[in-house]
């Protein structure tokens, strides 16, 4: 009898062990479907879907940083205006279930037609879901815009040459711009060189760092006098060193 009981206990433990991933997968698939329904409702302006899944005490942070509760978020849902159409797909979906709480993250892949012009944007959304009875309610979400590199342009060689030089932030920290082949590279004191590309005249960027820009400043005569490293809306101003220093 003890041996038989031990066998039953072992089988029960195995069934519990294998049931957990299956249950988690089921919840993840359900939340993925609900998230897609919420995204579809944005284009159609269907507030009913948001009222169904969004908890009244939820907190929603959009890509601009605006914080809204459930009621305020629902008030933002409106049909797209005339001349605008599109679809958002929840891609790269992942969710981890912790009992009655689930944390999900995915990429909003948005394709929009704006008066005949095609636009493509992506956002990273992170959500917190809470199980209430048989329902899963969205209690928190934050959306971040996924930045990408801007298109690069070609500038005349003479203009690239004018950017080359040493720009000092402090006596110990400088940023040097120099030619490399047909383009430019920059290097900050104590760091590795990095490729520089032009977004526009006097506006440079480093591929893979879309939050940063390097702006060249000029005096009244048009001579390059400094470098502004713009980090989002914050600037670091580097002063051009005299030639040879």
Protein backbone atom coordinates (compact mmCIF):
# COMPACT_ATOMS: atom_id res chain seq x y z
CA UNK A 1 0.00 0.00 0.00
CA UNK A 2 2.71 2.60 0.84
CA UNK A 3 4.43 1.83 -2.46
CA UNK A 4 1.13 2.33 -4.34
CA UNK A 5 0.50 5.63 -2.52
CA UNK A 6 3.96 6.80 -3.42
CA UNK A 7 3.24 6.00 -7.07
CA UNK A 8 0.02 8.00 -6.95
CA UNK A 9 1.84 10.92 -5.33
CA UNK A 10 4.56 10.78 -7.97
CA UNK A 11 2.02 10.77 -10.82
CA UNK A 12 0.11 13.65 -9.22
CA UNK A 13 3.30 15.66 -8.94
CA UNK A 14 4.10 14.99 -12.58
CA UNK A 15 0.64 16.05 -13.69
CA UNK A 16 0.97 19.29 -11.74
CA UNK A 17 4.42 19.91 -13.16
CA UNK A 18 3.30 19.49 -16.76
CA UNK A 19 0.01 21.31 -16.26
CA UNK A 20 1.65 24.56 -15.17
CA UNK A 21 3.34 25.41 -18.49
CA UNK A 22 0.18 24.49 -20.40
CA UNK A 23 -1.90 26.78 -18.18
CA UNK A 24 0.63 29.59 -18.58
CA UNK A 25 0.57 29.15 -22.36
CA UNK A 26 -3.21 29.32 -22.33
CA UNK A 27 -3.17 32.57 -20.34
CA UNK A 28 -0.48 34.03 -22.58
CA UNK A 29 -2.48 33.20 -25.72
CA UNK A 30 -5.59 34.70 -24.18
CA UNK A 31 -3.85 37.93 -23.24
CA UNK A 32 -2.30 38.13 -26.68
CA UNK A 33 -5.77 37.91 -28.23
CA UNK A 34 -7.13 40.53 -25.85
CA UNK A 35 -4.21 42.85 -26.59
CA UNK A 36 -4.84 42.49 -30.31
CA UNK A 37 -8.52 43.26 -29.79
CA UNK A 38 -7.56 46.44 -27.95
CA UNK A 39 -5.28 47.48 -30.81
CA UNK A 40 -7.94 46.74 -33.42
CA UNK A 41 -10.38 48.87 -31.43
CA UNK A 42 -8.06 51.88 -31.68
CA UNK A 43 -8.51 52.03 -35.46
CA UNK A 44 -12.28 51.53 -35.30
CA UNK A 45 -12.79 53.72 -32.24
CA UNK A 46 -14.58 50.92 -30.39
CA UNK A 47 -14.67 51.92 -26.72
CA UNK A 48 -16.68 48.79 -25.83
CA UNK A 49 -13.59 46.60 -26.17
CA UNK A 50 -11.58 48.86 -23.89
CA UNK A 51 -14.40 49.01 -21.35
CA UNK A 52 -14.45 45.21 -21.37
CA UNK A 53 -10.76 44.65 -20.68
CA UNK A 54 -9.50 47.84 -19.02
CA UNK A 55 -9.74 48.04 -15.23
CA UNK A 56 -11.37 51.22 -13.94
CA UNK A 57 -8.35 51.91 -11.72
CA UNK A 58 -5.81 51.19 -14.45
CA UNK A 59 -2.90 53.50 -15.20
CA UNK A 60 -1.93 53.94 -18.85
CA UNK A 61 1.19 55.84 -19.97
CA UNK A 62 1.31 56.70 -23.66
CA UNK A 63 4.40 57.30 -25.82
CA UNK A 64 4.44 61.01 -24.93
CA UNK A 65 4.61 60.24 -21.19
CA UNK A 66 1.01 61.26 -20.50
CA UNK A 67 -0.51 59.33 -17.57
CA UNK A 68 -4.20 58.40 -17.77
CA UNK A 69 -6.60 56.37 -15.68
CA UNK A 70 -9.05 53.91 -17.22
CA UNK A 71 -11.76 56.49 -17.84
CA UNK A 72 -9.36 58.98 -19.42
CA UNK A 73 -7.87 56.30 -21.65
CA UNK A 74 -11.28 55.26 -22.95
CA UNK A 75 -12.08 58.91 -23.72
CA UNK A 76 -9.02 58.96 -26.01
CA UNK A 77 -10.45 56.18 -28.21
CA UNK A 78 -11.97 57.68 -31.35
CA UNK A 79 -12.38 56.47 -34.95
CA UNK A 80 -9.61 57.51 -37.33
CA UNK A 81 -10.44 60.70 -39.26
CA UNK A 82 -11.31 60.72 -42.95
CA UNK A 83 -8.29 60.07 -45.15
CA UNK A 84 -6.48 58.06 -42.47
CA UNK A 85 -6.51 54.27 -42.18
CA UNK A 86 -4.26 51.66 -40.67
CA UNK A 87 -3.69 48.56 -38.64
CA UNK A 88 -1.61 47.74 -35.58
CA UNK A 89 -0.36 44.22 -34.94
CA UNK A 90 0.90 42.92 -31.58
CA UNK A 91 4.18 41.21 -32.59
CA UNK A 92 7.01 39.59 -30.59
CA UNK A 93 4.50 38.91 -27.83
CA UNK A 94 5.74 37.53 -24.52
CA UNK A 95 4.08 37.20 -21.12
CA UNK A 96 5.03 35.78 -17.74
CA UNK A 97 2.26 34.59 -15.43
CA UNK A 98 2.61 34.88 -11.64
CA UNK A 99 -0.59 33.39 -10.26
CA UNK A 100 -3.30 36.00 -10.73
CA UNK A 101 -0.88 38.55 -12.20
CA UNK A 102 0.69 38.54 -15.67
CA UNK A 103 3.31 40.87 -17.12
CA UNK A 104 3.35 41.09 -20.91
CA UNK A 105 5.48 42.92 -23.44
CA UNK A 106 5.22 43.17 -27.22
CA UNK A 107 5.90 45.39 -30.22
CA UNK A 108 3.05 47.42 -31.72
CA UNK A 109 3.76 47.21 -35.45
CA UNK A 110 1.74 50.02 -37.00
CA UNK A 111 1.11 50.58 -40.69
CA UNK A 112 -0.81 53.74 -41.47
CA UNK A 113 -2.04 55.35 -44.67
CA UNK A 114 -2.12 59.10 -44.12
CA UNK A 115 -3.91 60.74 -47.02
CA UNK A 116 -2.23 58.44 -49.53
CA UNK A 117 1.17 58.37 -47.81
CA UNK A 118 2.37 55.15 -46.19
CA UNK A 119 3.82 55.40 -42.67
CA UNK A 120 5.38 52.66 -40.54
CA UNK A 121 5.93 53.07 -36.80
CA UNK A 122 6.75 50.69 -33.97
CA UNK A 123 6.20 50.95 -30.23
CA UNK A 124 7.20 48.79 -27.27
CA UNK A 125 4.28 48.14 -24.92
CA UNK A 126 4.52 46.60 -21.45
CA UNK A 127 1.32 45.56 -19.70
CA UNK A 128 0.24 44.26 -16.30
CA UNK A 129 -2.88 42.09 -16.20
CA UNK A 130 -4.82 41.05 -13.09
CA UNK A 131 -7.15 38.07 -12.92
CA UNK A 132 -10.56 38.95 -11.48
CA UNK A 133 -12.84 35.95 -11.31
CA UNK A 134 -12.78 34.40 -14.78
CA UNK A 135 -11.62 37.63 -16.42
CA UNK A 136 -8.21 39.18 -16.98
CA UNK A 137 -8.21 42.95 -16.60
CA UNK A 138 -5.55 45.36 -17.81
CA UNK A 139 -4.40 47.33 -14.75
CA UNK A 140 -1.27 48.99 -16.12
CA UNK A 141 0.44 49.72 -19.42
CA UNK A 142 3.31 51.82 -20.72
CA UNK A 143 4.09 52.56 -24.38
CA UNK A 144 7.51 53.62 -25.66
CA UNK A 145 8.24 54.73 -29.22
CA UNK A 146 10.93 52.59 -30.83
CA UNK A 147 13.41 54.93 -32.43
CA UNK A 148 15.31 54.14 -35.62
CA UNK A 149 18.11 55.86 -37.50
CA UNK A 150 17.06 58.69 -39.82
CA UNK A 151 17.83 58.53 -43.55
CA UNK A 152 21.37 59.64 -44.33
CA UNK A 153 22.26 62.21 -46.99
CA UNK A 154 25.43 62.83 -48.96
CA UNK A 155 27.28 66.10 -48.42
CA UNK A 156 30.07 67.63 -50.51
CA UNK A 157 33.60 66.68 -49.50
CA UNK A 158 34.43 70.30 -48.69
CA UNK A 159 31.56 70.45 -46.20
CA UNK A 160 32.70 67.25 -44.51
CA UNK A 161 36.24 68.63 -44.32
CA UNK A 162 34.89 71.73 -42.57
CA UNK A 163 33.51 69.58 -39.76
CA UNK A 164 36.85 67.94 -39.02
CA UNK A 165 38.60 69.14 -35.90
CA UNK A 166 38.82 68.84 -32.15
CA UNK A 167 35.94 69.98 -29.92
CA UNK A 168 36.50 70.33 -26.18
CA UNK A 169 33.89 69.80 -23.46
CA UNK A 170 36.43 70.21 -20.64
CA UNK A 171 40.23 70.45 -20.68
CA UNK A 172 40.30 66.66 -20.25
CA UNK A 173 37.38 65.59 -22.49
CA UNK A 174 37.28 66.24 -26.21
CA UNK A 175 35.53 64.92 -29.30
CA UNK A 176 37.47 64.68 -32.54
CA UNK A 177 35.84 64.52 -35.97
CA UNK A 178 38.02 63.27 -38.82
CA UNK A 179 37.65 61.92 -42.32
CA UNK A 180 37.47 58.18 -42.89
CA UNK A 181 37.31 57.19 -46.53
CA UNK A 182 34.45 59.10 -48.13
CA UNK A 183 32.76 59.76 -44.79
CA UNK A 184 33.42 60.84 -41.22
CA UNK A 185 34.16 59.27 -37.87
CA UNK A 186 34.15 60.74 -34.39
CA UNK A 187 35.94 59.76 -31.22
CA UNK A 188 35.49 60.97 -27.66
CA UNK A 189 38.42 60.91 -25.25
CA UNK A 190 38.83 57.40 -23.84
CA UNK A 191 36.28 55.82 -26.18
CA UNK A 192 36.33 53.90 -29.44
CA UNK A 193 35.86 55.65 -32.80
CA UNK A 194 32.30 55.72 -34.18
CA UNK A 195 30.93 56.26 -37.65
CA UNK A 196 29.23 59.58 -38.30
CA UNK A 197 26.58 60.10 -40.97
CA UNK A 198 24.81 63.25 -42.09
CA UNK A 199 21.07 63.63 -41.58
CA UNK A 200 21.16 67.14 -43.05
CA UNK A 201 23.77 69.88 -43.47
CA UNK A 202 25.39 70.50 -40.05
CA UNK A 203 23.39 67.62 -38.48
CA UNK A 204 25.22 64.33 -37.85
CA UNK A 205 24.26 61.07 -36.16
CA UNK A 206 25.84 57.79 -35.13
CA UNK A 207 24.15 54.69 -36.61
CA UNK A 208 22.44 52.70 -33.88
CA UNK A 209 22.08 55.71 -31.57
CA UNK A 210 18.92 57.45 -32.82
CA UNK A 211 18.41 59.40 -29.57
CA UNK A 212 21.54 61.45 -30.22
CA UNK A 213 22.40 64.15 -32.74
CA UNK A 214 25.62 66.14 -33.35
CA UNK A 215 24.89 69.70 -34.48
CA UNK A 216 27.62 71.95 -35.86
CA UNK A 217 27.41 75.60 -34.78
CA UNK A 218 28.77 78.47 -36.84
CA UNK A 219 29.68 82.10 -36.33
CA UNK A 220 28.30 85.04 -38.31
CA UNK A 221 30.82 84.40 -41.06
CA UNK A 222 29.78 80.78 -41.49
CA UNK A 223 32.84 79.24 -39.84
CA UNK A 224 32.30 76.11 -37.73
CA UNK A 225 32.94 77.10 -34.10
CA UNK A 226 31.47 74.30 -32.02
CA UNK A 227 29.68 71.01 -31.69
CA UNK A 228 26.38 70.47 -29.88
CA UNK A 229 25.74 66.92 -28.73
CA UNK A 230 21.96 66.75 -28.39
CA UNK A 231 20.60 64.00 -26.17
CA UNK A 232 16.85 64.08 -26.65
CA UNK A 233 16.17 67.70 -25.61
CA UNK A 234 19.39 68.16 -23.60
CA UNK A 235 22.51 69.68 -25.09
CA UNK A 236 26.21 69.32 -24.34
CA UNK A 237 28.17 72.14 -25.96
CA UNK A 238 31.69 71.41 -27.19
CA UNK A 239 33.89 74.33 -28.24
CA UNK A 240 36.11 73.94 -31.26
CA UNK A 241 39.78 74.03 -30.41
CA UNK A 242 42.15 76.25 -32.44
CA UNK A 243 43.81 74.46 -35.33
CA UNK A 244 46.67 72.25 -34.21
CA UNK A 245 45.53 72.00 -30.60
